[in-house]
Amino acid sequence: MFRKLLFITLIAVAGCGDDTPTAPTRDSLDGVWRIISIQPVNQAVQTAPVGAQYQVGFENDRVFVRVDCNTCTGPFTVNGSTLTIGPTLACTRAACATASYENAVVSLLSGAHEVSATLHNLTLTSNRGSILLQR
């Protein structure tokens, strides 16, 4: 009997995890997300370069982006499961060692995305490709 109760409890707890995708809200997006990988359309997944900072932060109606040695900012809106960044991002233009990855990230981030969010993961998908972010 105890084993059966323990098993049922474990199944219930596992089913209540934070990996269930939900529609994003401003509150669920707030904070800093680390860019794990990008996948431009018709290309392979590219992981973020080791040793460089690639982060996206949402606060109020603004997005703040760290792409290696540059920073970007711009407006964002959420409407249902659609996140729109921009229309464009204003970025500094220092010459970073990871410039090609940086340019791909900025191109992918700007515009409308379908969003899938969990407590720790955020996936942005558009006709330009996808971005995986993590808290």
Protein backbone atom coordinates (compact mmCIF):
# COMPACT_ATOMS: atom_id res chain seq x y z
CA MET A 1 0.00 0.00 0.00
CA PHE A 2 2.80 2.42 0.93
CA ARG A 3 4.61 1.75 -2.37
CA LYS A 4 1.44 2.39 -4.34
CA LEU A 5 0.85 5.68 -2.50
CA LEU A 6 4.49 6.72 -3.02
CA PHE A 7 4.28 5.90 -6.74
CA ILE A 8 1.04 7.89 -7.16
CA THR A 9 2.56 10.83 -5.26
CA LEU A 10 5.68 10.77 -7.46
CA ILE A 11 3.59 10.70 -10.63
CA ALA A 12 1.46 13.61 -9.37
CA VAL A 13 4.52 15.68 -8.47
CA ALA A 14 6.20 14.93 -11.81
CA GLY A 15 3.05 15.99 -13.62
CA CYS A 16 3.02 19.33 -11.80
CA GLY A 17 6.42 20.42 -13.10
CA ASP A 18 7.16 23.82 -14.56
CA ASP A 19 7.79 22.53 -18.08
CA THR A 20 4.23 22.97 -19.31
CA PRO A 21 4.26 25.67 -22.03
CA THR A 22 2.03 28.65 -21.36
CA ALA A 23 1.13 31.83 -23.23
CA PRO A 24 3.57 34.54 -22.17
CA THR A 25 2.60 37.57 -20.14
CA ARG A 26 4.69 40.62 -19.39
CA ASP A 27 5.23 39.25 -15.88
CA SER A 28 6.38 35.82 -17.10
CA LEU A 29 8.88 37.46 -19.48
CA ASP A 30 10.30 39.91 -16.91
CA GLY A 31 13.92 39.35 -16.00
CA VAL A 32 17.03 38.21 -17.79
CA TRP A 33 17.12 35.24 -20.17
CA ARG A 34 20.36 33.68 -21.45
CA ILE A 35 20.48 32.84 -25.16
CA ILE A 36 21.27 29.13 -25.43
CA SER A 37 21.03 28.68 -29.19
CA ILE A 38 19.69 30.08 -32.43
CA GLN A 39 18.51 28.36 -35.57
CA PRO A 40 18.17 30.65 -38.59
CA VAL A 41 15.67 29.28 -41.11
CA ASN A 42 17.09 26.41 -43.22
CA GLN A 43 20.26 26.25 -41.08
CA ALA A 44 21.55 24.02 -38.29
CA VAL A 45 21.21 24.92 -34.62
CA GLN A 46 24.05 27.19 -33.48
CA THR A 47 24.90 27.32 -29.77
CA ALA A 48 25.97 30.58 -28.20
CA PRO A 49 29.74 31.09 -28.29
CA VAL A 50 31.55 30.06 -25.12
CA GLY A 51 32.98 32.97 -23.15
CA ALA A 52 30.64 35.61 -24.64
CA GLN A 53 27.51 37.00 -23.01
CA TYR A 54 24.29 36.61 -24.96
CA GLN A 55 21.29 37.72 -22.91
CA VAL A 56 17.84 39.20 -23.36
CA GLY A 57 16.08 41.14 -20.59
CA PHE A 58 12.48 42.30 -20.50
CA GLU A 59 11.32 45.11 -18.23
CA ASN A 60 8.10 47.10 -18.56
CA ASP A 61 7.78 47.77 -22.32
CA ARG A 62 11.52 47.58 -23.11
CA VAL A 63 13.83 44.78 -24.18
CA PHE A 64 17.53 44.95 -23.32
CA VAL A 65 19.92 42.70 -25.24
CA ARG A 66 23.56 41.83 -24.56
CA VAL A 67 25.27 40.38 -27.64
CA ASP A 68 28.91 39.77 -26.71
CA CYS A 69 30.52 43.24 -26.45
CA ASN A 70 27.47 45.16 -27.72
CA THR A 71 24.14 46.09 -26.21
CA CYS A 72 20.78 46.73 -27.85
CA THR A 73 17.46 48.11 -26.68
CA GLY A 74 14.01 48.62 -28.09
CA PRO A 75 10.31 48.28 -27.39
CA PHE A 76 8.39 45.02 -27.16
CA THR A 77 4.72 44.03 -27.01
CA VAL A 78 2.90 40.83 -26.12
CA ASN A 79 -0.44 39.94 -27.71
CA GLY A 80 -1.63 36.42 -26.94
CA SER A 81 1.20 34.07 -27.86
CA THR A 82 2.88 36.67 -30.11
CA LEU A 83 5.88 38.65 -28.89
CA THR A 84 6.96 41.54 -31.11
CA ILE A 85 10.40 43.09 -30.56
CA GLY A 86 11.10 46.38 -32.26
CA PRO A 87 10.31 47.13 -35.18
CA THR A 88 14.11 47.46 -34.86
CA LEU A 89 16.68 47.37 -32.07
CA ALA A 90 19.12 50.20 -31.42
CA CYS A 91 22.56 48.62 -30.92
CA THR A 92 26.09 49.73 -30.17
CA ARG A 93 28.54 48.83 -32.95
CA ALA A 94 31.79 47.67 -31.33
CA ALA A 95 33.78 45.02 -33.23
CA CYS A 96 33.20 41.82 -31.23
CA ALA A 97 35.00 38.52 -31.77
CA THR A 98 31.66 36.78 -32.36
CA ALA A 99 30.24 39.30 -34.85
CA SER A 100 28.55 36.81 -37.20
CA TYR A 101 26.65 35.14 -34.34
CA GLU A 102 25.80 38.58 -32.93
CA ASN A 103 24.35 39.75 -36.26
CA ALA A 104 22.28 36.57 -36.57
CA VAL A 105 20.88 37.03 -33.04
CA VAL A 106 19.87 40.65 -33.66
CA SER A 107 18.25 39.74 -37.00
CA LEU A 108 16.31 36.88 -35.41
CA LEU A 109 15.19 38.94 -32.39
CA SER A 110 13.75 41.87 -34.34
CA GLY A 111 10.11 41.39 -35.36
CA ALA A 112 7.21 39.14 -34.41
CA HIS A 113 7.61 35.71 -32.79
CA GLU A 114 5.34 32.92 -31.64
CA VAL A 115 6.35 32.26 -28.05
CA SER A 116 6.42 29.09 -26.03
CA ALA A 117 7.30 29.76 -22.39
CA THR A 118 7.85 27.64 -19.30
CA LEU A 119 9.24 28.76 -15.97
CA HIS A 120 12.84 28.30 -17.15
CA ASN A 121 12.69 28.17 -20.97
CA LEU A 122 11.55 30.57 -23.64
CA THR A 123 11.42 29.65 -27.33
CA LEU A 124 10.88 32.36 -29.95
CA THR A 125 9.86 31.11 -33.40
CA SER A 126 9.35 33.18 -36.55
CA ASN A 127 9.69 32.86 -40.31
CA ARG A 128 13.33 33.96 -39.73
CA GLY A 129 14.13 30.99 -37.45
CA SER A 130 14.07 30.25 -33.71
CA ILE A 131 15.86 31.22 -30.51
CA LEU A 132 16.08 29.18 -27.30
CA LEU A 133 16.52 31.16 -24.09
CA GLN A 134 16.84 30.03 -20.45
CA ARG A 135 16.66 31.67 -17.04
